[in-house]
Amino acid sequence: MDHWDRETQQQPPFAPTDAQRHYVEELAVVLEGMGLVRMHGRVVGWLLICDPPEQSASDIQLALEASKGSISGALRFLTTAELVEQAPKPGKRRNYYRIRRHAWSRMISKRVPLFATFAELAERGLREFDDPSGRLERLHEMRDFFRWLEREMPELLESWTRWSGKETLEE
């Protein structure tokens, strides 16, 4: 695919290098291993290293040599997941996207309530099912792990905020 924006009839301000493409793909594979769709991971990877940091959907599509639909779906998902946000560009009619400030710590912070949910589900399973032969040890471990995460994660996130010099995760 050539790097030509058919909408604006202009060459985009970038041409990803082989090293950039390799990095984006490597990150996408890691994120895919964590449950993300590979194209979503590619978009994250590109937005982490692109210059300028704000890119239109068309810019991303050209950089990743991907279909318009796959980029649109990825941006919709990543925006909902709060990893990516729209970036205002005065005078521009297109939407531009960038990695959201504090994306990684916010992603973890928003998951903290799920730790209690997992612990409660494990606790319910322990109450509801007999365990004559110790088969429910997996539920014990699940409950204990998620209770531990629920207790420790807020302090860990606060420690990150202090360590990184950020005032809050909401900046």
Protein backbone atom coordinates (compact mmCIF):
# COMPACT_ATOMS: atom_id res chain seq x y z
CA MET A 1 0.00 0.00 0.00
CA ASP A 2 1.33 3.42 -0.82
CA HIS A 3 1.44 6.14 1.80
CA TRP A 4 -0.99 8.52 0.14
CA ASP A 5 -4.09 10.00 1.76
CA ARG A 6 -6.82 9.81 -0.87
CA GLU A 7 -9.14 12.13 1.10
CA THR A 8 -6.71 15.04 1.27
CA GLN A 9 -4.63 14.08 -1.78
CA GLN A 10 -1.53 14.61 0.34
CA GLN A 11 1.35 12.48 1.45
CA PRO A 12 1.07 12.00 5.23
CA PRO A 13 3.76 13.68 7.35
CA PHE A 14 5.41 10.35 8.12
CA ALA A 15 6.59 7.16 6.58
CA PRO A 16 7.04 4.53 9.29
CA THR A 17 10.48 2.98 9.32
CA ASP A 18 11.02 -0.75 9.41
CA ALA A 19 12.10 -0.41 13.04
CA GLN A 20 8.86 1.41 13.89
CA ARG A 21 6.75 -1.19 12.10
CA HIS A 22 8.60 -3.97 13.91
CA TYR A 23 8.12 -2.27 17.29
CA VAL A 24 4.40 -1.69 16.65
CA GLU A 25 3.93 -5.34 15.68
CA GLU A 26 5.90 -6.61 18.67
CA LEU A 27 3.80 -4.52 21.07
CA ALA A 28 0.61 -5.66 19.32
CA VAL A 29 1.58 -9.31 19.81
CA VAL A 30 2.23 -8.72 23.53
CA LEU A 31 -1.12 -6.95 23.95
CA GLU A 32 -2.82 -9.71 21.95
CA GLY A 33 -1.43 -12.19 24.47
CA MET A 34 -3.21 -10.15 27.14
CA GLY A 35 -6.54 -10.42 25.30
CA LEU A 36 -6.54 -7.36 23.05
CA VAL A 37 -7.28 -7.70 19.35
CA ARG A 38 -4.02 -7.40 17.43
CA MET A 39 -5.15 -4.37 15.40
CA HIS A 40 -6.05 -2.58 18.63
CA GLY A 41 -2.54 -3.29 19.84
CA ARG A 42 -1.08 -1.95 16.60
CA VAL A 43 -2.98 1.29 17.03
CA VAL A 44 -1.71 1.59 20.61
CA GLY A 45 1.82 0.84 19.44
CA TRP A 46 1.69 3.44 16.70
CA LEU A 47 0.21 6.12 18.94
CA LEU A 48 2.99 5.48 21.47
CA ILE A 49 5.77 6.26 18.99
CA CYS A 50 4.31 8.44 16.22
CA ASP A 51 5.25 12.04 15.59
CA PRO A 52 3.23 14.09 15.96
CA PRO A 53 1.54 12.29 18.87
CA GLU A 54 -1.91 13.28 17.57
CA GLN A 55 -2.96 11.33 14.50
CA SER A 56 -6.12 11.25 12.42
CA ALA A 57 -7.77 7.90 11.72
CA SER A 58 -6.56 8.27 8.14
CA ASP A 59 -2.97 8.89 9.34
CA ILE A 60 -3.14 5.74 11.46
CA GLN A 61 -4.69 3.75 8.62
CA LEU A 62 -1.87 4.76 6.27
CA ALA A 63 0.87 4.16 8.83
CA LEU A 64 -0.43 0.69 9.67
CA GLU A 65 -1.51 -0.15 6.12
CA ALA A 66 -4.87 -1.22 7.48
CA SER A 67 -8.48 -0.92 6.42
CA LYS A 68 -10.57 2.06 7.40
CA GLY A 69 -13.02 -0.23 9.21
CA SER A 70 -10.37 -1.94 11.32
CA ILE A 71 -8.91 1.41 12.40
CA SER A 72 -12.36 2.83 13.13
CA GLY A 73 -13.25 -0.19 15.27
CA ALA A 74 -9.92 -0.09 17.09
CA LEU A 75 -10.22 3.63 17.85
CA ARG A 76 -13.79 3.20 19.08
CA PHE A 77 -12.74 0.37 21.41
CA LEU A 78 -9.58 2.09 22.66
CA THR A 79 -11.44 5.35 23.26
CA THR A 80 -14.13 3.53 25.25
CA ALA A 81 -11.38 1.71 27.18
CA GLU A 82 -9.83 5.14 27.89
CA LEU A 83 -6.42 4.23 26.50
CA VAL A 84 -6.89 6.66 23.62
CA GLU A 85 -8.64 10.02 23.52
CA GLN A 86 -9.65 12.50 20.88
CA ALA A 87 -7.19 15.34 20.63
CA PRO A 88 -8.52 18.72 19.60
CA LYS A 89 -6.70 20.42 16.73
CA PRO A 90 -8.05 23.93 16.19
CA GLY A 91 -8.94 24.61 12.59
CA LYS A 92 -9.03 20.93 11.63
CA ARG A 93 -12.26 19.20 10.69
CA ARG A 94 -10.98 15.68 11.29
CA ASN A 95 -10.82 13.93 14.61
CA TYR A 96 -7.33 13.34 15.92
CA TYR A 97 -6.36 10.72 18.48
CA ARG A 98 -3.56 10.28 20.98
CA ILE A 99 -2.65 8.04 23.89
CA ARG A 100 -4.51 9.34 26.89
CA ARG A 101 -2.48 10.94 29.66
CA HIS A 102 -1.91 8.41 32.47
CA ALA A 103 -3.47 5.72 30.28
CA TRP A 104 -1.73 2.78 31.93
CA SER A 105 -2.27 3.72 35.57
CA ARG A 106 -5.87 4.76 34.83
CA MET A 107 -6.48 1.41 33.14
CA ILE A 108 -5.35 -0.43 36.28
CA SER A 109 -7.12 1.98 38.62
CA LYS A 110 -10.45 1.45 36.85
CA ARG A 111 -10.05 -2.32 37.30
CA VAL A 112 -9.65 -2.20 41.11
CA PRO A 113 -13.42 -2.64 41.73
CA LEU A 114 -13.27 -5.85 39.68
CA PHE A 115 -10.90 -7.32 42.25
CA ALA A 116 -13.68 -7.23 44.86
CA THR A 117 -16.10 -8.78 42.37
CA PHE A 118 -13.74 -11.69 41.68
CA ALA A 119 -13.11 -12.19 45.40
CA GLU A 120 -16.86 -12.17 46.10
CA LEU A 121 -17.52 -14.72 43.34
CA ALA A 122 -14.87 -17.00 44.77
CA GLU A 123 -16.33 -16.56 48.26
CA ARG A 124 -19.80 -17.40 46.97
CA GLY A 125 -18.45 -20.54 45.29
CA LEU A 126 -16.83 -21.57 48.57
CA ARG A 127 -20.16 -21.13 50.39
CA GLU A 128 -22.29 -22.87 47.77
CA PHE A 129 -20.24 -25.96 46.97
CA ASP A 130 -19.13 -28.83 49.17
CA ASP A 131 -15.43 -29.55 49.29
CA PRO A 132 -15.00 -33.04 50.73
CA SER A 133 -11.73 -33.70 48.91
CA GLY A 134 -10.16 -30.21 48.79
CA ARG A 135 -11.23 -29.55 45.21
CA LEU A 136 -12.09 -25.95 45.99
CA GLU A 137 -8.52 -24.91 46.74
CA ARG A 138 -8.58 -23.02 43.43
CA LEU A 139 -11.41 -20.87 44.75
CA HIS A 140 -9.50 -20.24 47.98
CA GLU A 141 -6.49 -19.10 45.99
CA MET A 142 -8.65 -16.92 43.72
CA ARG A 143 -10.39 -15.29 46.67
CA ASP A 144 -7.15 -14.68 48.56
CA PHE A 145 -5.35 -13.28 45.53
CA PHE A 146 -8.09 -10.84 44.60
CA ARG A 147 -8.58 -9.73 48.22
CA TRP A 148 -4.83 -9.08 48.35
CA LEU A 149 -4.95 -7.10 45.07
CA GLU A 150 -7.96 -5.15 46.29
CA ARG A 151 -6.06 -4.20 49.45
CA GLU A 152 -2.67 -3.50 47.87
CA MET A 153 -3.46 -1.89 44.52
CA PRO A 154 -4.67 1.51 45.80
CA GLU A 155 -1.40 1.97 47.71
CA LEU A 156 0.60 0.77 44.73
CA LEU A 157 -1.15 3.30 42.48
CA GLU A 158 -0.59 6.04 45.06
CA SER A 159 3.07 5.08 45.24
CA TRP A 160 3.27 5.29 41.44
CA THR A 161 1.70 8.75 41.54
CA ARG A 162 4.29 9.93 44.08
CA TRP A 163 7.18 8.23 42.29
CA SER A 164 6.24 9.60 38.86
CA GLY A 165 5.68 13.12 40.18
CA LYS A 166 2.07 13.19 38.99
CA GLU A 167 -0.46 14.97 41.15
CA THR A 168 -3.31 12.58 40.40
CA LEU A 169 -4.32 10.03 37.82
CA GLU A 170 -7.00 12.44 36.63
CA GLU A 171 -4.59 15.10 35.29
